[in-house]
Amino acid sequence: MTKDQLCGIWAALPLPWHPDGSLDQDVFSRDVARCCMAGVNGVYSGGTTGEFYTQDFDIFAEANRILVNTAHEHGIPIQAGCTALDTQEACRRASFARNIGADIIQIALPFWLELDDEEVVDFFKAVAGVAGSIPLVHYDTGRSKRRISAKLYQRLVREVPTLWGTKFGGADLYAVKQIALANPDLKVFVGEHILASATPMGATGSYSALVLANPGWIIEYFEACRDRRWNRAFEIQDEVCLMLSALSAMPTPGLQDSAFDRLFGQLDDFLECPLSCKAPYRSGKASDLEYLHGWTLQNLPHLLQKVAA
């Protein structure tokens, strides 16, 4: 894995659960393979889409073995999400990911209590120490109680040379610009809803769940941004924002990240992963999928490949 390869669209994968809470290995392996064959730059699980916060170590290990083995069979790199509530457990997961051949370790800060700058630096040094030469990507999310400033990233990049990138959560374009300007070697990933706007400021790709709705659509989006075809890039960005606006009117109230991402995956039957999230988190229902499909057919019909065919 080279730093130049850390760009583009990396598919976020939800985990398919059996009713007893165990991982459906066969479905997950097939979903990973589908994403790889769709032409994404990489795949990952262990973020919010993959419900890392519901995984004990055994499920984490099981999922990442499947992720590594399946993706590497298709020549696609993987990122293993290793976020945990304490340094020891994060290091345990990072060490495991390194040993099974993960290409990158993605990690957020422990999030129950807010860390200060020194705790942040010590945490990254510890994880990098067990990861060895495996590069790190920081998931910079407000759910970790704090964000990382451009100045603190400068210190982290200096003291932790294997920190290659940041997954920037949010829509603050000024913050994206400041991070990229202060850290020109740091790969900055943003949400699909701001990718066209953020690319001229230094963004290099997106960790995407919307790619599960229609891979060609989101891959074309990145390629338009990369090639500076701004009319097309901003056209797709508007479509992305329109699609995301539809989520506020779902029949089931209170749905969040992974519930939406599972609906995207089933919108045109790209993934087999069922709609069920792990309790206590609310799952989408067949009525939500029916609504989203009808809305897409009316507003963005070209995203439904079966209809187009």
Protein backbone atom coordinates (compact mmCIF):
# COMPACT_ATOMS: atom_id res chain seq x y z
CA MET A 1 0.00 0.00 0.00
CA THR A 2 1.40 3.39 -1.00
CA LYS A 3 0.12 6.75 0.13
CA ASP A 4 -0.83 7.59 -3.46
CA GLN A 5 -3.27 4.67 -3.38
CA LEU A 6 -5.06 6.19 -0.41
CA CYS A 7 -7.67 8.09 -2.40
CA GLY A 8 -10.97 7.65 -4.17
CA ILE A 9 -14.09 5.84 -3.03
CA TRP A 10 -13.81 3.31 -0.21
CA ALA A 11 -17.02 1.37 0.36
CA ALA A 12 -18.36 1.22 3.91
CA LEU A 13 -19.87 -2.18 4.62
CA PRO A 14 -22.59 -3.02 7.14
CA LEU A 15 -22.46 -6.38 8.88
CA PRO A 16 -25.26 -8.88 8.24
CA TRP A 17 -26.56 -10.37 11.46
CA HIS A 18 -28.29 -13.67 12.08
CA PRO A 19 -31.34 -13.39 14.39
CA ASP A 20 -29.20 -14.68 17.27
CA GLY A 21 -26.72 -11.82 16.81
CA SER A 22 -23.97 -13.85 15.14
CA LEU A 23 -22.34 -12.75 11.89
CA ASP A 24 -23.65 -14.19 8.62
CA GLN A 25 -20.25 -15.00 7.15
CA ASP A 26 -21.48 -16.09 3.72
CA VAL A 27 -23.55 -12.97 3.11
CA PHE A 28 -20.77 -10.70 4.32
CA SER A 29 -18.22 -12.38 2.07
CA ARG A 30 -20.50 -12.02 -0.96
CA ASP A 31 -21.20 -8.36 -0.16
CA VAL A 32 -17.48 -7.62 0.14
CA ALA A 33 -16.88 -9.32 -3.21
CA ARG A 34 -19.67 -7.30 -4.85
CA CYS A 35 -18.13 -4.04 -3.71
CA CYS A 36 -14.70 -5.10 -4.94
CA MET A 37 -16.04 -6.07 -8.36
CA ALA A 38 -17.93 -2.76 -8.63
CA GLY A 39 -14.65 -0.88 -9.01
CA VAL A 40 -14.20 0.89 -5.67
CA ASN A 41 -10.72 1.88 -4.55
CA GLY A 42 -11.03 -0.05 -1.31
CA VAL A 43 -13.42 -1.49 1.27
CA TYR A 44 -13.68 -1.18 5.02
CA SER A 45 -15.80 -2.12 7.96
CA GLY A 46 -15.68 -1.29 11.63
CA GLY A 47 -16.96 2.25 11.33
CA THR A 48 -20.47 3.39 12.21
CA THR A 49 -21.88 1.65 9.13
CA GLY A 50 -20.40 -1.62 10.37
CA GLU A 51 -21.60 -0.99 13.94
CA PHE A 52 -18.17 -1.35 15.53
CA TYR A 53 -19.70 -0.31 18.85
CA THR A 54 -21.68 -3.58 18.96
CA GLN A 55 -18.72 -5.85 18.26
CA ASP A 56 -16.84 -7.85 20.86
CA PHE A 57 -13.35 -8.96 19.92
CA ASP A 58 -14.48 -12.30 18.49
CA ILE A 59 -16.89 -10.69 16.02
CA PHE A 60 -14.32 -8.03 15.17
CA ALA A 61 -11.80 -10.76 14.36
CA GLU A 62 -14.30 -12.83 12.40
CA ALA A 63 -15.45 -9.90 10.27
CA ASN A 64 -11.95 -8.67 9.51
CA ARG A 65 -10.67 -12.09 8.49
CA ILE A 66 -13.49 -12.29 5.94
CA LEU A 67 -12.85 -8.71 4.83
CA VAL A 68 -9.12 -9.28 4.27
CA ASN A 69 -9.44 -12.68 2.61
CA THR A 70 -12.27 -11.75 0.26
CA ALA A 71 -11.01 -8.32 -0.76
CA HIS A 72 -7.45 -9.49 -1.32
CA GLU A 73 -8.73 -12.28 -3.56
CA HIS A 74 -10.03 -9.46 -5.77
CA GLY A 75 -6.88 -7.35 -5.47
CA ILE A 76 -8.61 -4.64 -3.41
CA PRO A 77 -7.09 -3.11 -0.24
CA ILE A 78 -8.98 -3.00 3.05
CA GLN A 79 -9.14 -0.79 6.08
CA ALA A 80 -9.87 -2.39 9.43
CA GLY A 81 -11.80 -0.23 11.87
CA CYS A 82 -10.12 -0.72 15.26
CA THR A 83 -11.88 1.88 17.41
CA ALA A 84 -12.36 0.94 21.06
CA LEU A 85 -13.05 2.55 24.42
CA ASP A 86 -9.49 2.29 25.72
CA THR A 87 -5.94 2.19 24.40
CA GLN A 88 -5.28 -1.43 25.35
CA GLU A 89 -8.28 -2.74 23.39
CA ALA A 90 -7.57 -0.47 20.42
CA CYS A 91 -4.00 -1.78 20.35
CA ARG A 92 -5.22 -5.36 20.61
CA ARG A 93 -7.43 -4.85 17.57
CA ALA A 94 -4.75 -2.99 15.63
CA SER A 95 -2.24 -5.76 16.32
CA PHE A 96 -4.72 -8.38 15.13
CA ALA A 97 -5.48 -6.38 11.97
CA ARG A 98 -1.77 -6.10 11.23
CA ASN A 99 -1.24 -9.84 11.69
CA ILE A 100 -4.03 -10.83 9.28
CA GLY A 101 -2.80 -8.51 6.54
CA ALA A 102 -4.96 -5.39 6.79
CA ASP A 103 -3.65 -2.64 4.53
CA ILE A 104 -4.70 0.29 6.72
CA ILE A 105 -6.00 0.71 10.26
CA GLN A 106 -8.79 3.25 10.69
CA ILE A 107 -9.39 4.47 14.21
CA ALA A 108 -11.36 7.08 16.10
CA LEU A 109 -10.46 8.40 19.53
CA PRO A 110 -11.86 6.61 22.59
CA PHE A 111 -15.10 8.45 23.05
CA TRP A 112 -16.66 8.04 26.49
CA LEU A 113 -14.64 10.89 28.03
CA GLU A 114 -13.05 13.76 26.08
CA LEU A 115 -9.27 13.45 25.64
CA ASP A 116 -6.88 16.38 25.91
CA ASP A 117 -4.08 16.94 23.39
CA GLU A 118 -1.47 14.94 25.30
CA GLU A 119 -3.83 12.00 25.68
CA VAL A 120 -4.58 12.16 21.95
CA VAL A 121 -0.88 12.07 21.03
CA ASP A 122 -0.14 9.25 23.47
CA PHE A 123 -3.07 7.26 22.08
CA PHE A 124 -1.89 7.53 18.47
CA LYS A 125 1.69 6.67 19.44
CA ALA A 126 0.50 3.53 21.22
CA VAL A 127 -1.63 2.34 18.30
CA ALA A 128 1.11 3.13 15.79
CA GLY A 129 3.57 1.21 17.95
CA VAL A 130 1.67 -2.06 17.59
CA ALA A 131 0.62 -1.37 13.97
CA GLY A 132 4.25 -1.13 12.87
CA SER A 133 4.49 -0.15 9.22
CA ILE A 134 0.72 -0.38 8.67
CA PRO A 135 -0.57 3.17 8.06
CA LEU A 136 -3.31 4.76 10.15
CA VAL A 137 -6.33 6.82 9.14
CA HIS A 138 -8.02 8.86 11.85
CA TYR A 139 -11.81 8.92 11.89
CA ASP A 140 -12.32 12.55 12.97
CA THR A 141 -15.86 12.54 14.32
CA GLY A 142 -17.70 14.68 16.82
CA ARG A 143 -18.90 11.48 18.44
CA SER A 144 -15.41 11.21 19.95
CA LYS A 145 -16.28 14.29 22.05
CA ARG A 146 -13.62 16.38 20.29
CA ARG A 147 -12.21 17.12 16.83
CA ILE A 148 -8.57 17.40 15.79
CA SER A 149 -7.38 20.87 14.75
CA ALA A 150 -5.07 21.56 11.82
CA LYS A 151 -2.31 22.41 14.31
CA LEU A 152 -2.70 19.20 16.30
CA TYR A 153 -2.67 17.19 13.08
CA GLN A 154 0.69 18.82 12.32
CA ARG A 155 2.04 17.51 15.60
CA LEU A 156 0.53 14.06 15.10
CA VAL A 157 1.95 13.72 11.59
CA ARG A 158 5.35 14.74 12.90
CA GLU A 159 5.34 12.38 15.89
CA VAL A 160 3.38 9.53 14.23
CA PRO A 161 4.71 9.29 10.64
CA THR A 162 2.41 6.37 9.80
CA LEU A 163 -0.66 8.61 10.21
CA TRP A 164 -1.54 8.95 6.54
CA GLY A 165 -5.05 10.31 6.49
CA THR A 166 -8.16 11.64 8.13
CA LYS A 167 -11.78 10.74 7.57
CA PHE A 168 -13.31 14.15 8.20
CA GLY A 169 -16.83 13.93 9.58
CA GLY A 170 -19.01 16.97 9.08
CA ALA A 171 -19.51 19.74 6.55
CA ASP A 172 -17.14 22.52 7.68
CA LEU A 173 -15.32 23.36 4.46
CA TYR A 174 -13.15 25.95 6.21
CA ALA A 175 -11.87 23.26 8.58
CA VAL A 176 -11.14 20.93 5.65
CA LYS A 177 -9.16 23.70 3.95
CA GLN A 178 -7.15 24.49 7.08
CA ILE A 179 -6.28 20.84 7.71
CA ALA A 180 -5.20 20.30 4.10
CA LEU A 181 -3.16 23.52 3.95
CA ALA A 182 -1.35 22.82 7.21
CA ASN A 183 -0.78 19.13 6.36
CA PRO A 184 -0.18 18.80 2.61
CA ASP A 185 0.91 15.16 2.91
CA LEU A 186 -2.18 14.13 4.90
CA LYS A 187 -4.91 12.46 2.85
CA VAL A 188 -8.23 14.11 3.65
CA PHE A 189 -11.46 12.19 3.06
CA VAL A 190 -14.86 13.88 3.32
CA GLY A 191 -18.51 12.93 3.10
CA GLU A 192 -20.14 12.55 -0.30
CA HIS A 193 -22.30 15.60 0.40
CA ILE A 194 -19.28 17.95 0.17
CA LEU A 195 -16.82 16.04 -2.02
CA ALA A 196 -17.06 18.36 -5.04
CA SER A 197 -16.80 21.47 -2.85
CA ALA A 198 -13.91 20.07 -0.81
CA THR A 199 -11.77 18.63 -3.62
CA PRO A 200 -10.29 22.02 -4.65
CA MET A 201 -9.41 22.50 -0.97
CA GLY A 202 -7.40 19.29 -0.81
CA ALA A 203 -9.91 16.46 -0.26
CA THR A 204 -8.81 13.20 -1.89
CA GLY A 205 -11.86 10.97 -1.68
CA SER A 206 -14.74 9.70 0.40
CA TYR A 207 -15.57 6.79 2.67
CA SER A 208 -18.95 6.06 1.20
CA ALA A 209 -22.14 4.27 2.13
CA LEU A 210 -24.02 5.87 -0.76
CA VAL A 211 -21.85 3.81 -3.09
CA LEU A 212 -24.00 0.88 -1.91
CA ALA A 213 -27.02 2.45 -3.58
CA ASN A 214 -25.37 2.72 -6.99
CA PRO A 215 -21.60 2.14 -7.26
CA GLY A 216 -21.23 3.62 -10.73
CA TRP A 217 -22.86 6.86 -9.63
CA ILE A 218 -20.47 7.52 -6.73
CA ILE A 219 -17.38 6.29 -8.61
CA GLU A 220 -18.23 8.66 -11.47
CA TYR A 221 -18.61 11.42 -8.87
CA PHE A 222 -15.07 10.93 -7.61
CA GLU A 223 -13.67 10.68 -11.13
CA ALA A 224 -15.38 13.94 -12.10
CA CYS A 225 -13.84 15.63 -9.04
CA ARG A 226 -10.41 14.12 -9.72
CA ASP A 227 -10.51 15.20 -13.39
CA ARG A 228 -11.80 18.70 -12.52
CA ARG A 229 -14.99 18.19 -14.53
CA TRP A 230 -16.77 20.52 -12.19
CA ASN A 231 -20.13 20.77 -13.95
CA ARG A 232 -20.64 17.03 -13.61
CA ALA A 233 -19.09 16.88 -10.15
CA PHE A 234 -21.43 19.50 -8.73
CA GLU A 235 -24.39 17.98 -10.56
CA ILE A 236 -23.79 14.70 -8.74
CA GLN A 237 -23.13 16.51 -5.45
CA ASP A 238 -26.57 18.08 -5.78
CA GLU A 239 -28.05 14.63 -6.42
CA VAL A 240 -26.30 13.28 -3.32
CA CYS A 241 -27.69 16.08 -1.17
CA LEU A 242 -31.14 15.53 -2.64
CA MET A 243 -30.95 11.82 -1.83
CA LEU A 244 -29.85 12.53 1.73
CA SER A 245 -32.73 14.98 2.18
CA ALA A 246 -35.17 12.13 1.52
CA LEU A 247 -34.02 10.34 4.66
CA SER A 248 -35.81 12.81 6.94
CA ALA A 249 -39.20 11.60 5.71
CA MET A 250 -38.80 7.87 6.35
CA PRO A 251 -41.92 6.13 7.70
CA THR A 252 -39.89 4.86 10.66
CA PRO A 253 -38.75 7.83 12.77
CA GLY A 254 -35.37 8.07 14.45
CA LEU A 255 -33.31 5.98 12.05
CA GLN A 256 -29.55 6.58 12.13
CA ASP A 257 -26.38 5.77 10.22
CA SER A 258 -26.27 2.00 9.79
CA ALA A 259 -30.04 1.75 9.35
CA PHE A 260 -29.86 4.19 6.43
CA ASP A 261 -26.81 2.47 4.95
CA ARG A 262 -28.58 -0.89 4.90
CA LEU A 263 -31.47 0.72 3.06
CA PHE A 264 -29.02 2.10 0.48
CA GLY A 265 -27.57 -1.38 0.02
CA GLN A 266 -30.99 -2.87 -0.68
CA LEU A 267 -32.35 0.04 -2.73
CA ASP A 268 -31.52 -1.74 -5.98
CA ASP A 269 -30.50 -5.10 -4.46
CA PHE A 270 -26.77 -4.41 -4.59
CA LEU A 271 -26.14 -5.94 -1.18
CA GLU A 272 -27.67 -8.98 0.48
CA CYS A 273 -27.17 -7.53 3.97
CA PRO A 274 -30.54 -7.43 5.76
CA LEU A 275 -32.05 -4.28 7.22
CA SER A 276 -31.63 -5.37 10.83
CA CYS A 277 -29.22 -3.43 13.03
CA LYS A 278 -28.19 -4.78 16.41
CA ALA A 279 -30.39 -3.83 19.34
CA PRO A 280 -30.93 -1.39 20.89
CA TYR A 281 -30.44 0.58 17.67
CA ARG A 282 -33.53 1.00 15.52
CA SER A 283 -33.67 -0.81 12.18
CA GLY A 284 -35.30 0.25 8.95
CA LYS A 285 -38.33 -1.70 7.78
CA ALA A 286 -39.75 -2.88 4.50
CA SER A 287 -41.96 0.22 4.48
CA ASP A 288 -38.86 2.44 4.63
CA LEU A 289 -37.29 0.60 1.72
CA GLU A 290 -40.51 0.88 -0.26
CA TYR A 291 -40.64 4.61 0.44
CA LEU A 292 -36.99 5.18 -0.54
CA HIS A 293 -37.39 3.15 -3.71
CA GLY A 294 -40.50 5.10 -4.72
CA TRP A 295 -38.84 8.41 -3.91
CA THR A 296 -35.77 7.49 -5.99
CA LEU A 297 -37.90 6.32 -8.89
CA GLN A 298 -39.64 9.68 -8.88
CA ASN A 299 -36.67 11.97 -8.24
CA LEU A 300 -33.48 10.15 -9.33
CA PRO A 301 -34.69 7.28 -11.53
CA HIS A 302 -31.34 6.85 -13.27
CA LEU A 303 -29.91 5.48 -10.04
CA LEU A 304 -32.12 2.39 -10.30
CA GLN A 305 -30.13 0.27 -12.69
CA LYS A 306 -32.82 -2.36 -13.09
CA VAL A 307 -35.32 0.31 -14.15
CA ALA A 308 -32.77 1.78 -16.56
CA ALA A 309 -32.09 -1.67 -18.01
